[in-house]
Amino acid sequence: MLSRIAEDKRDEELDLLEDLRERTPEGRISIMTQVHSNLILIVGRGVWTSAVLAAHFSQLEHALQSKRRQFGAARLLCDVRDRGEQPPEIVEEIRLGATLQLKGDDRMAVVTNSSLMKMQLRQDLGRDRMQFFMSIETAKIWLDAYR
């Protein structure tokens, strides 16, 4: 019974991510949090601008602070399967923003749509407490190990 409850909860979180993905327009980054979980869902689609990134990192900082106060650390599940090829200056802003945002025991799982993107992101952003995956389910399993 307990494993079924955990399975239902996991399905609910993945359903929320898919819903967020469907509602995120091209060139945007969306964030969703739940009150009773330290999980932050992020979906990024298309090519981003500096203004989009600034708004995203501001919103993310508020979500992270809230989760850290409530749970001690945050878990981020970031779906960039529909991300476009970002210009080098945007990649640098992403790297800097990700470096400044993750602190303490925070964990971030990034889901991509190809091995090449996974390798590029690992090279551009790779750091402790951040892993890259090609499967939402595998990323979620890794994050769940750090509840």
Protein backbone atom coordinates (compact mmCIF):
# COMPACT_ATOMS: atom_id res chain seq x y z
CA MET A 1 0.00 0.00 0.00
CA LEU A 2 2.77 2.45 0.91
CA SER A 3 4.63 1.82 -2.36
CA ARG A 4 1.38 2.45 -4.29
CA ILE A 5 0.97 5.80 -2.51
CA ALA A 6 4.56 6.72 -3.38
CA GLU A 7 3.95 5.62 -6.98
CA ASP A 8 0.77 7.74 -7.19
CA LYS A 9 2.65 10.77 -5.82
CA ARG A 10 5.47 10.30 -8.32
CA ASP A 11 2.96 10.05 -11.17
CA GLU A 12 1.24 13.23 -9.96
CA GLU A 13 4.51 15.18 -10.00
CA LEU A 14 5.40 13.92 -13.47
CA ASP A 15 1.89 14.77 -14.69
CA LEU A 16 2.36 18.29 -13.33
CA LEU A 17 5.64 18.57 -15.22
CA GLU A 18 3.99 17.47 -18.47
CA ASP A 19 1.17 19.97 -17.91
CA LEU A 20 3.71 22.74 -17.29
CA ARG A 21 5.57 21.71 -20.44
CA GLU A 22 2.40 21.97 -22.53
CA ARG A 23 1.62 25.44 -21.13
CA THR A 24 5.13 26.90 -21.58
CA PRO A 25 5.39 28.97 -24.77
CA GLU A 26 8.44 28.97 -27.03
CA GLY A 27 11.24 31.21 -25.77
CA ARG A 28 10.07 30.99 -22.16
CA ILE A 29 10.97 29.30 -18.88
CA SER A 30 8.21 28.30 -16.45
CA ILE A 31 8.44 27.35 -12.78
CA MET A 32 5.97 25.43 -10.62
CA THR A 33 6.24 24.49 -6.95
CA GLN A 34 4.06 22.51 -4.57
CA VAL A 35 3.33 23.51 -1.00
CA HIS A 36 4.08 20.13 0.61
CA SER A 37 7.22 19.20 -1.35
CA ASN A 38 10.71 20.58 -1.79
CA LEU A 39 10.48 19.87 -5.54
CA ILE A 40 10.63 22.76 -8.00
CA LEU A 41 9.56 21.96 -11.56
CA ILE A 42 11.14 23.98 -14.37
CA VAL A 43 10.40 23.83 -18.09
CA GLY A 44 12.40 25.76 -20.68
CA ARG A 45 11.38 25.90 -24.33
CA GLY A 46 12.94 27.57 -27.35
CA VAL A 47 15.72 30.16 -27.39
CA TRP A 48 15.95 32.56 -24.46
CA THR A 49 16.91 36.21 -24.09
CA SER A 50 18.74 37.93 -21.24
CA ALA A 51 15.42 39.38 -20.08
CA VAL A 52 13.80 35.93 -19.96
CA LEU A 53 16.76 34.58 -17.96
CA ALA A 54 16.75 37.53 -15.54
CA ALA A 55 13.03 37.04 -14.84
CA HIS A 56 13.53 33.28 -14.49
CA PHE A 57 16.43 33.52 -12.04
CA SER A 58 14.56 36.11 -9.97
CA GLN A 59 11.49 33.86 -9.73
CA LEU A 60 13.69 30.83 -9.06
CA GLU A 61 15.53 32.59 -6.22
CA HIS A 62 12.21 33.25 -4.45
CA ALA A 63 11.14 29.61 -4.90
CA LEU A 64 14.50 28.34 -3.66
CA GLN A 65 14.45 30.55 -0.57
CA SER A 66 10.95 29.34 0.29
CA LYS A 67 11.86 25.65 -0.14
CA ARG A 68 15.08 26.03 1.86
CA ARG A 69 13.21 27.69 4.74
CA GLN A 70 10.55 24.98 4.74
CA PHE A 71 12.62 21.86 3.92
CA GLY A 72 16.30 22.81 4.34
CA ALA A 73 17.08 22.18 0.66
CA ALA A 74 15.40 22.20 -2.74
CA ARG A 75 15.20 19.61 -5.49
CA LEU A 76 14.89 21.00 -9.01
CA LEU A 77 13.61 18.98 -11.96
CA CYS A 78 14.44 20.95 -15.09
CA ASP A 79 12.97 19.83 -18.42
CA VAL A 80 14.80 21.41 -21.38
CA ARG A 81 13.91 18.78 -23.97
CA ASP A 82 12.37 21.53 -26.12
CA ARG A 83 15.22 23.98 -25.63
CA GLY A 84 16.71 25.58 -28.71
CA GLU A 85 20.38 26.17 -29.47
CA GLN A 86 21.33 29.06 -27.18
CA PRO A 87 23.78 31.81 -28.21
CA PRO A 88 27.14 31.71 -26.35
CA GLU A 89 26.32 34.80 -24.23
CA ILE A 90 23.07 33.18 -23.06
CA VAL A 91 24.91 29.93 -22.23
CA GLU A 92 27.28 31.99 -20.07
CA GLU A 93 24.34 33.67 -18.30
CA ILE A 94 22.78 30.26 -17.66
CA ARG A 95 26.06 28.92 -16.28
CA LEU A 96 26.53 31.90 -13.99
CA GLY A 97 22.90 31.85 -12.84
CA ALA A 98 22.93 28.11 -12.12
CA THR A 99 26.21 28.48 -10.22
CA LEU A 100 24.80 31.24 -8.03
CA GLN A 101 21.41 29.61 -7.43
CA LEU A 102 22.31 26.11 -6.21
CA LYS A 103 23.54 26.11 -2.62
CA GLY A 104 24.03 23.73 0.27
CA ASP A 105 22.15 20.46 -0.22
CA ASP A 106 20.11 21.61 -3.23
CA ARG A 107 20.00 19.13 -6.11
CA MET A 108 19.15 19.71 -9.77
CA ALA A 109 18.29 17.13 -12.42
CA VAL A 110 18.29 18.44 -16.00
CA VAL A 111 16.47 16.44 -18.68
CA THR A 112 17.52 16.86 -22.31
CA ASN A 113 16.38 15.38 -25.61
CA SER A 114 19.71 14.08 -26.91
CA SER A 115 23.04 12.67 -25.83
CA LEU A 116 24.78 15.59 -27.55
CA MET A 117 22.80 18.19 -25.58
CA LYS A 118 23.39 16.21 -22.38
CA MET A 119 27.13 16.23 -23.06
CA GLN A 120 27.16 19.95 -23.93
CA LEU A 121 25.18 20.89 -20.83
CA ARG A 122 27.42 18.75 -18.62
CA GLN A 123 30.44 20.54 -20.11
CA ASP A 124 28.87 24.03 -19.81
CA LEU A 125 27.07 23.63 -16.47
CA GLY A 126 28.32 20.45 -14.84
CA ARG A 127 28.97 20.69 -11.13
CA ASP A 128 28.34 18.89 -7.88
CA ARG A 129 24.68 18.36 -7.04
CA MET A 130 23.67 18.70 -10.72
CA GLN A 131 23.09 15.70 -12.99
CA PHE A 132 21.92 15.38 -16.59
CA PHE A 133 19.48 12.81 -17.96
CA MET A 134 17.55 11.87 -21.07
CA SER A 135 14.60 10.45 -19.12
CA ILE A 136 12.24 12.29 -16.80
CA GLU A 137 11.69 9.12 -14.80
CA THR A 138 15.41 8.51 -14.25
CA ALA A 139 15.95 12.15 -13.26
CA LYS A 140 13.09 11.90 -10.76
CA ILE A 141 14.51 8.70 -9.24
CA TRP A 142 17.87 10.44 -8.73
CA LEU A 143 16.18 13.47 -7.13
CA ASP A 144 14.00 11.31 -4.90
CA ALA A 145 17.16 9.85 -3.35
CA TYR A 146 17.76 13.32 -1.82
CA ARG A 147 14.36 14.06 -0.24
